[in-house]
């Protein structure tokens, strides 16, 4: 066994633990994000909200956890020189399309109980926001992408009282808090979705992992 092979073998367990740690951290962040989002949905839905095991855990918390884990994996790949096609992990929030599954069985249930439209729109905003923050691609494309997540600000300001009631007005303490609640979800998801767009880290060991092709 050569010196390079010995070093690569020795570092493999460490790299594996780091990958597992980033994936677990990403999954935890995704779960926390979705749990908070579910709380906001319940606030907006008011007396009409309906928390179910399948709707909340199966179609919202689970996809969010998977999304976070995939973005954590993307960060690991970024730190280790990238892989072929690894930037497609920027599409991780598409796991939220699982929200359409119950609607295929019962179309009337898709937007009920405070789960549905918002949980679908926010991931799309996050994906667009991640690209807008990426510093990759043409400036005009990133500007256009940034319009989608930023649209959450005026859209919520104009529709909050119609959706949630007078207490959601931005000139009320409760309404201002709810607005920041929503906008922070968009901002944090956009930051997470920017990970697969970030430049790959430069490796100093000179020992590329087996089967890896660096992507810059």
C-alpha atoms as a PDB file:
ATOM      1  CA  UNK A   1       0.000   0.000   0.000  1.00  0.00           C
ATOM      2  CA  UNK A   2       1.398   3.386  -0.975  1.00  0.00           C
ATOM      3  CA  UNK A   3       1.703   6.359   1.348  1.00  0.00           C
ATOM      4  CA  UNK A   4      -1.159   8.110  -0.434  1.00  0.00           C
ATOM      5  CA  UNK A   5      -3.417   5.072  -0.131  1.00  0.00           C
ATOM      6  CA  UNK A   6      -2.600   4.753   3.575  1.00  0.00           C
ATOM      7  CA  UNK A   7      -3.426   8.416   4.206  1.00  0.00           C
ATOM      8  CA  UNK A   8      -6.656   8.150   2.254  1.00  0.00           C
ATOM      9  CA  UNK A   9      -7.695   5.066   4.222  1.00  0.00           C
ATOM     10  CA  UNK A  10      -6.906   6.758   7.519  1.00  0.00           C
ATOM     11  CA  UNK A  11      -8.932   9.867   6.696  1.00  0.00           C
ATOM     12  CA  UNK A  12     -11.976   7.975   5.390  1.00  0.00           C
ATOM     13  CA  UNK A  13     -13.608   7.412   8.844  1.00  0.00           C
ATOM     14  CA  UNK A  14     -13.064  11.064   9.754  1.00  0.00           C
ATOM     15  CA  UNK A  15     -14.601  12.211   6.482  1.00  0.00           C
ATOM     16  CA  UNK A  16     -17.526   9.850   7.006  1.00  0.00           C
ATOM     17  CA  UNK A  17     -18.191  11.213  10.494  1.00  0.00           C
ATOM     18  CA  UNK A  18     -18.056  14.774   9.226  1.00  0.00           C
ATOM     19  CA  UNK A  19     -20.478  13.928   6.427  1.00  0.00           C
ATOM     20  CA  UNK A  20     -22.863  12.249   8.873  1.00  0.00           C
ATOM     21  CA  UNK A  21     -22.643  15.244  11.198  1.00  0.00           C
ATOM     22  CA  UNK A  22     -23.483  17.729   8.441  1.00  0.00           C
ATOM     23  CA  UNK A  23     -26.354  15.588   7.173  1.00  0.00           C
ATOM     24  CA  UNK A  24     -27.749  15.233  10.702  1.00  0.00           C
ATOM     25  CA  UNK A  25     -27.372  18.953  11.369  1.00  0.00           C
ATOM     26  CA  UNK A  26     -29.074  19.775   8.095  1.00  0.00           C
ATOM     27  CA  UNK A  27     -31.935  17.417   8.891  1.00  0.00           C
ATOM     28  CA  UNK A  28     -32.360  18.983  12.331  1.00  0.00           C
ATOM     29  CA  UNK A  29     -32.422  22.473  10.817  1.00  0.00           C
ATOM     30  CA  UNK A  30     -35.017  21.348   8.278  1.00  0.00           C
ATOM     31  CA  UNK A  31     -37.178  19.791  10.985  1.00  0.00           C
ATOM     32  CA  UNK A  32     -36.951  22.907  13.155  1.00  0.00           C
ATOM     33  CA  UNK A  33     -37.777  25.136  10.191  1.00  0.00           C
ATOM     34  CA  UNK A  34     -40.859  23.106   9.297  1.00  0.00           C
ATOM     35  CA  UNK A  35     -42.056  22.869  12.899  1.00  0.00           C
ATOM     36  CA  UNK A  36     -41.949  26.642  13.131  1.00  0.00           C
ATOM     37  CA  UNK A  37     -43.681  26.978   9.774  1.00  0.00           C
ATOM     38  CA  UNK A  38     -46.452  24.674  10.952  1.00  0.00           C
ATOM     39  CA  UNK A  39     -46.951  26.934  13.940  1.00  0.00           C
ATOM     40  CA  UNK A  40     -47.341  29.950  11.679  1.00  0.00           C
ATOM     41  CA  UNK A  41     -49.823  28.056   9.519  1.00  0.00           C
ATOM     42  CA  UNK A  42     -51.871  27.220  12.595  1.00  0.00           C
ATOM     43  CA  UNK A  43     -51.892  30.877  13.615  1.00  0.00           C
ATOM     44  CA  UNK A  44     -53.091  31.968  10.188  1.00  0.00           C
ATOM     45  CA  UNK A  45     -55.711  29.227   9.901  1.00  0.00           C
ATOM     46  CA  UNK A  46     -57.054  29.999  13.382  1.00  0.00           C
ATOM     47  CA  UNK A  47     -60.045  27.910  14.381  1.00  0.00           C
ATOM     48  CA  UNK A  48     -59.977  26.195  10.976  1.00  0.00           C
ATOM     49  CA  UNK A  49     -56.581  24.580  11.485  1.00  0.00           C
ATOM     50  CA  UNK A  50     -56.530  20.804  11.669  1.00  0.00           C
ATOM     51  CA  UNK A  51     -53.368  19.101  12.872  1.00  0.00           C
ATOM     52  CA  UNK A  52     -53.173  15.502  11.707  1.00  0.00           C
ATOM     53  CA  UNK A  53     -50.421  12.907  11.948  1.00  0.00           C
ATOM     54  CA  UNK A  54     -50.178  12.369   8.203  1.00  0.00           C
ATOM     55  CA  UNK A  55     -50.668  15.979   7.135  1.00  0.00           C
ATOM     56  CA  UNK A  56     -48.209  17.448   9.612  1.00  0.00           C
ATOM     57  CA  UNK A  57     -45.591  14.743  10.020  1.00  0.00           C
ATOM     58  CA  UNK A  58     -45.844  12.959   6.676  1.00  0.00           C
ATOM     59  CA  UNK A  59     -46.371  15.811   4.244  1.00  0.00           C
ATOM     60  CA  UNK A  60     -44.547  18.669   6.000  1.00  0.00           C
ATOM     61  CA  UNK A  61     -42.048  17.718   8.711  1.00  0.00           C
ATOM     62  CA  UNK A  62     -40.635  14.698   6.886  1.00  0.00           C
ATOM     63  CA  UNK A  63     -40.029  16.466   3.542  1.00  0.00           C
ATOM     64  CA  UNK A  64     -38.431  19.374   5.395  1.00  0.00           C
ATOM     65  CA  UNK A  65     -36.125  17.031   7.292  1.00  0.00           C
ATOM     66  CA  UNK A  66     -35.115  15.316   4.037  1.00  0.00           C
ATOM     67  CA  UNK A  67     -34.538  18.716   2.416  1.00  0.00           C
ATOM     68  CA  UNK A  68     -32.304  19.819   5.273  1.00  0.00           C
ATOM     69  CA  UNK A  69     -30.366  16.540   5.181  1.00  0.00           C
ATOM     70  CA  UNK A  70     -29.782  16.908   1.428  1.00  0.00           C
ATOM     71  CA  UNK A  71     -28.527  20.458   1.896  1.00  0.00           C
ATOM     72  CA  UNK A  72     -26.244  19.206   4.677  1.00  0.00           C
ATOM     73  CA  UNK A  73     -24.914  16.607   2.252  1.00  0.00           C
ATOM     74  CA  UNK A  74     -24.389  19.395  -0.282  1.00  0.00           C
ATOM     75  CA  UNK A  75     -22.267  21.261   2.257  1.00  0.00           C
ATOM     76  CA  UNK A  76     -20.165  18.141   2.798  1.00  0.00           C
ATOM     77  CA  UNK A  77     -19.643  17.764  -0.945  1.00  0.00           C
ATOM     78  CA  UNK A  78     -18.753  21.436  -1.223  1.00  0.00           C
ATOM     79  CA  UNK A  79     -16.118  21.092   1.495  1.00  0.00           C
ATOM     80  CA  UNK A  80     -14.610  18.037  -0.163  1.00  0.00           C
ATOM     81  CA  UNK A  81     -14.212  19.382  -3.677  1.00  0.00           C
ATOM     82  CA  UNK A  82     -17.656  18.741  -5.110  1.00  0.00           C
ATOM     83  CA  UNK A  83     -18.949  15.875  -7.224  1.00  0.00           C
ATOM     84  CA  UNK A  84     -20.373  15.567 -10.674  1.00  0.00           C
ATOM     85  CA  UNK A  85     -23.859  17.140 -10.833  1.00  0.00           C
ATOM     86  CA  UNK A  86     -23.765  17.923  -7.093  1.00  0.00           C
ATOM     87  CA  UNK A  87     -25.245  21.376  -7.642  1.00  0.00           C
ATOM     88  CA  UNK A  88     -28.568  19.733  -8.482  1.00  0.00           C
ATOM     89  CA  UNK A  89     -28.971  19.430  -4.722  1.00  0.00           C
ATOM     90  CA  UNK A  90     -30.177  23.037  -4.891  1.00  0.00           C
ATOM     91  CA  UNK A  91     -33.479  21.441  -5.932  1.00  0.00           C
ATOM     92  CA  UNK A  92     -33.763  19.617  -2.590  1.00  0.00           C
ATOM     93  CA  UNK A  93     -36.871  21.603  -1.532  1.00  0.00           C
ATOM     94  CA  UNK A  94     -38.777  19.892  -4.340  1.00  0.00           C
ATOM     95  CA  UNK A  95     -39.318  17.097  -1.800  1.00  0.00           C
ATOM     96  CA  UNK A  96     -42.187  19.302  -0.623  1.00  0.00           C
ATOM     97  CA  UNK A  97     -44.068  18.158  -3.716  1.00  0.00           C
ATOM     98  CA  UNK A  98     -45.079  15.311  -1.393  1.00  0.00           C
ATOM     99  CA  UNK A  99     -47.726  17.763  -0.218  1.00  0.00           C
ATOM    100  CA  UNK A 100     -49.547  17.076  -3.460  1.00  0.00           C
ATOM    101  CA  UNK A 101     -49.917  13.380  -2.644  1.00  0.00           C
ATOM    102  CA  UNK A 102     -52.983  13.688  -0.357  1.00  0.00           C
ATOM    103  CA  UNK A 103     -54.493  16.097  -2.875  1.00  0.00           C
ATOM    104  CA  UNK A 104     -54.365  13.410  -5.544  1.00  0.00           C
ATOM    105  CA  UNK A 105     -56.566  11.239  -3.343  1.00  0.00           C
ATOM    106  CA  UNK A 106     -58.788  14.039  -2.052  1.00  0.00           C
ATOM    107  CA  UNK A 107     -58.288  17.302  -4.022  1.00  0.00           C
ATOM    108  CA  UNK A 108     -60.414  19.238  -1.555  1.00  0.00           C
ATOM    109  CA  UNK A 109     -57.983  18.487   1.261  1.00  0.00           C
ATOM    110  CA  UNK A 110     -54.890  20.031  -0.340  1.00  0.00           C
ATOM    111  CA  UNK A 111     -55.237  23.510   1.128  1.00  0.00           C
ATOM    112  CA  UNK A 112     -57.151  22.638   4.279  1.00  0.00           C
ATOM    113  CA  UNK A 113     -55.992  22.857   7.858  1.00  0.00           C
ATOM    114  CA  UNK A 114     -53.286  25.438   7.293  1.00  0.00           C
ATOM    115  CA  UNK A 115     -51.075  23.025   5.323  1.00  0.00           C
ATOM    116  CA  UNK A 116     -50.776  23.349   1.581  1.00  0.00           C
ATOM    117  CA  UNK A 117     -50.265  26.488  -0.458  1.00  0.00           C
ATOM    118  CA  UNK A 118     -47.833  28.208   1.883  1.00  0.00           C
ATOM    119  CA  UNK A 119     -45.770  25.084   2.412  1.00  0.00           C
ATOM    120  CA  UNK A 120     -45.434  24.727  -1.354  1.00  0.00           C
ATOM    121  CA  UNK A 121     -44.747  28.377  -2.178  1.00  0.00           C
ATOM    122  CA  UNK A 122     -42.069  28.901   0.474  1.00  0.00           C
ATOM    123  CA  UNK A 123     -39.729  26.152  -0.818  1.00  0.00           C
ATOM    124  CA  UNK A 124     -39.981  27.611  -4.328  1.00  0.00           C
ATOM    125  CA  UNK A 125     -39.119  31.016  -2.902  1.00  0.00           C
ATOM    126  CA  UNK A 126     -36.173  29.477  -1.072  1.00  0.00           C
ATOM    127  CA  UNK A 127     -34.837  27.860  -4.237  1.00  0.00           C
ATOM    128  CA  UNK A 128     -35.077  31.126  -6.130  1.00  0.00           C
ATOM    129  CA  UNK A 129     -33.534  33.014  -3.225  1.00  0.00           C
ATOM    130  CA  UNK A 130     -30.655  30.535  -3.033  1.00  0.00           C
ATOM    131  CA  UNK A 131     -29.815  31.174  -6.666  1.00  0.00           C
ATOM    132  CA  UNK A 132     -30.144  34.925  -6.185  1.00  0.00           C
ATOM    133  CA  UNK A 133     -27.545  34.746  -3.397  1.00  0.00           C
ATOM    134  CA  UNK A 134     -25.262  32.410  -5.317  1.00  0.00           C
ATOM    135  CA  UNK A 135     -23.076  34.898  -7.224  1.00  0.00           C
ATOM    136  CA  UNK A 136     -23.242  32.373 -10.061  1.00  0.00           C
ATOM    137  CA  UNK A 137     -24.742  32.949 -13.471  1.00  0.00           C
ATOM    138  CA  UNK A 138     -25.791  36.219 -15.097  1.00  0.00           C
ATOM    139  CA  UNK A 139     -26.643  39.129 -12.858  1.00  0.00           C
ATOM    140  CA  UNK A 140     -29.983  39.668 -14.583  1.00  0.00           C
ATOM    141  CA  UNK A 141     -30.949  36.053 -13.863  1.00  0.00           C
ATOM    142  CA  UNK A 142     -30.119  36.386 -10.184  1.00  0.00           C
ATOM    143  CA  UNK A 143     -32.014  39.652  -9.957  1.00  0.00           C
ATOM    144  CA  UNK A 144     -35.088  38.045 -11.488  1.00  0.00           C
ATOM    145  CA  UNK A 145     -34.753  35.069  -9.142  1.00  0.00           C
ATOM    146  CA  UNK A 146     -34.557  37.421  -6.167  1.00  0.00           C
ATOM    147  CA  UNK A 147     -37.913  38.939  -7.066  1.00  0.00           C
ATOM    148  CA  UNK A 148     -39.746  35.774  -6.025  1.00  0.00           C
ATOM    149  CA  UNK A 149     -38.592  35.563  -2.379  1.00  0.00           C
ATOM    150  CA  UNK A 150     -38.740  39.338  -1.991  1.00  0.00           C
ATOM    151  CA  UNK A 151     -42.343  39.262  -3.190  1.00  0.00           C
ATOM    152  CA  UNK A 152     -43.230  37.717   0.173  1.00  0.00           C
ATOM    153  CA  UNK A 153     -42.791  41.148   1.776  1.00  0.00           C
ATOM    154  CA  UNK A 154     -45.390  43.182  -0.170  1.00  0.00           C
ATOM    155  CA  UNK A 155     -47.661  40.176  -0.726  1.00  0.00           C
ATOM    156  CA  UNK A 156     -47.985  39.484   2.980  1.00  0.00           C
ATOM    157  CA  UNK A 157     -48.312  43.176   3.786  1.00  0.00           C
ATOM    158  CA  UNK A 158     -51.235  43.486   1.356  1.00  0.00           C
ATOM    159  CA  UNK A 159     -53.037  40.251   2.176  1.00  0.00           C
ATOM    160  CA  UNK A 160     -52.286  39.530   5.848  1.00  0.00           C
ATOM    161  CA  UNK A 161     -55.525  40.941   7.242  1.00  0.00           C
ATOM    162  CA  UNK A 162     -57.576  39.299   4.524  1.00  0.00           C
ATOM    163  CA  UNK A 163     -55.999  35.927   5.267  1.00  0.00           C
ATOM    164  CA  UNK A 164     -55.685  35.986   9.033  1.00  0.00           C
ATOM    165  CA  UNK A 165     -57.925  38.801  10.249  1.00  0.00           C
ATOM    166  CA  UNK A 166     -57.516  42.353  11.591  1.00  0.00           C
ATOM    167  CA  UNK A 167     -54.958  41.301  14.216  1.00  0.00           C
ATOM    168  CA  UNK A 168     -52.509  40.485  11.390  1.00  0.00           C
ATOM    169  CA  UNK A 169     -52.258  44.146  10.322  1.00  0.00           C
ATOM    170  CA  UNK A 170     -48.636  45.276  10.236  1.00  0.00           C
ATOM    171  CA  UNK A 171     -49.378  48.252  12.489  1.00  0.00           C
ATOM    172  CA  UNK A 172     -50.337  45.818  15.262  1.00  0.00           C
ATOM    173  CA  UNK A 173     -47.707  44.107  17.459  1.00  0.00           C
ATOM    174  CA  UNK A 174     -49.116  40.667  16.668  1.00  0.00           C
ATOM    175  CA  UNK A 175     -49.218  41.385  12.942  1.00  0.00           C
ATOM    176  CA  UNK A 176     -45.673  42.765  12.851  1.00  0.00           C
ATOM    177  CA  UNK A 177     -44.416  39.693  14.701  1.00  0.00           C
ATOM    178  CA  UNK A 178     -46.254  37.333  12.331  1.00  0.00           C
ATOM    179  CA  UNK A 179     -44.816  39.152   9.317  1.00  0.00           C
ATOM    180  CA  UNK A 180     -41.251  38.845  10.622  1.00  0.00           C
ATOM    181  CA  UNK A 181     -42.036  35.213  11.396  1.00  0.00           C
ATOM    182  CA  UNK A 182     -42.920  34.539   7.762  1.00  0.00           C
ATOM    183  CA  UNK A 183     -40.144  36.622   6.198  1.00  0.00           C
ATOM    184  CA  UNK A 184     -37.511  34.960   8.363  1.00  0.00           C
ATOM    185  CA  UNK A 185     -38.602  31.543   7.072  1.00  0.00           C
ATOM    186  CA  UNK A 186     -38.035  32.723   3.507  1.00  0.00           C
ATOM    187  CA  UNK A 187     -34.663  34.245   4.375  1.00  0.00           C
ATOM    188  CA  UNK A 188     -33.321  31.187   6.206  1.00  0.00           C
ATOM    189  CA  UNK A 189     -34.453  28.781   3.518  1.00  0.00           C
ATOM    190  CA  UNK A 190     -32.848  30.980   0.852  1.00  0.00           C
ATOM    191  CA  UNK A 191     -29.559  30.872   2.753  1.00  0.00           C
ATOM    192  CA  UNK A 192     -29.784  27.094   3.005  1.00  0.00           C
ATOM    193  CA  UNK A 193     -30.579  26.707  -0.688  1.00  0.00           C
ATOM    194  CA  UNK A 194     -27.534  28.827  -1.535  1.00  0.00           C
ATOM    195  CA  UNK A 195     -25.197  26.104  -0.210  1.00  0.00           C
ATOM    196  CA  UNK A 196     -25.103  24.023  -3.430  1.00  0.00           C
ATOM    197  CA  UNK A 197     -24.272  27.192  -5.365  1.00  0.00           C
ATOM    198  CA  UNK A 198     -21.299  28.179  -3.229  1.00  0.00           C
ATOM    199  CA  UNK A 199     -17.721  27.677  -4.503  1.00  0.00           C
ATOM    200  CA  UNK A 200     -16.164  24.368  -3.580  1.00  0.00           C
ATOM    201  CA  UNK A 201     -13.449  24.391  -0.937  1.00  0.00           C
ATOM    202  CA  UNK A 202      -9.890  23.936  -2.108  1.00  0.00           C
ATOM    203  CA  UNK A 203      -8.409  20.671  -0.926  1.00  0.00           C
ATOM    204  CA  UNK A 204      -5.001  20.852   0.695  1.00  0.00           C
ATOM    205  CA  UNK A 205      -4.276  17.142   1.068  1.00  0.00           C
ATOM    206  CA  UNK A 206      -3.963  16.518  -2.649  1.00  0.00           C
ATOM    207  CA  UNK A 207      -5.733  13.190  -2.126  1.00  0.00           C
ATOM    208  CA  UNK A 208      -9.020  13.188  -3.997  1.00  0.00           C
ATOM    209  CA  UNK A 209     -11.683  10.812  -2.766  1.00  0.00           C
ATOM    210  CA  UNK A 210     -12.287   7.713  -4.900  1.00  0.00           C
ATOM    211  CA  UNK A 211     -14.653   8.364  -7.764  1.00  0.00           C
ATOM    212  CA  UNK A 212     -14.799  12.105  -7.122  1.00  0.00           C
ATOM    213  CA  UNK A 213     -14.479  14.699  -9.784  1.00  0.00           C
ATOM    214  CA  UNK A 214     -13.929  18.200  -8.448  1.00  0.00           C
ATOM    215  CA  UNK A 215     -16.528  20.699  -9.631  1.00  0.00           C
ATOM    216  CA  UNK A 216     -15.762  24.411  -9.407  1.00  0.00           C
END
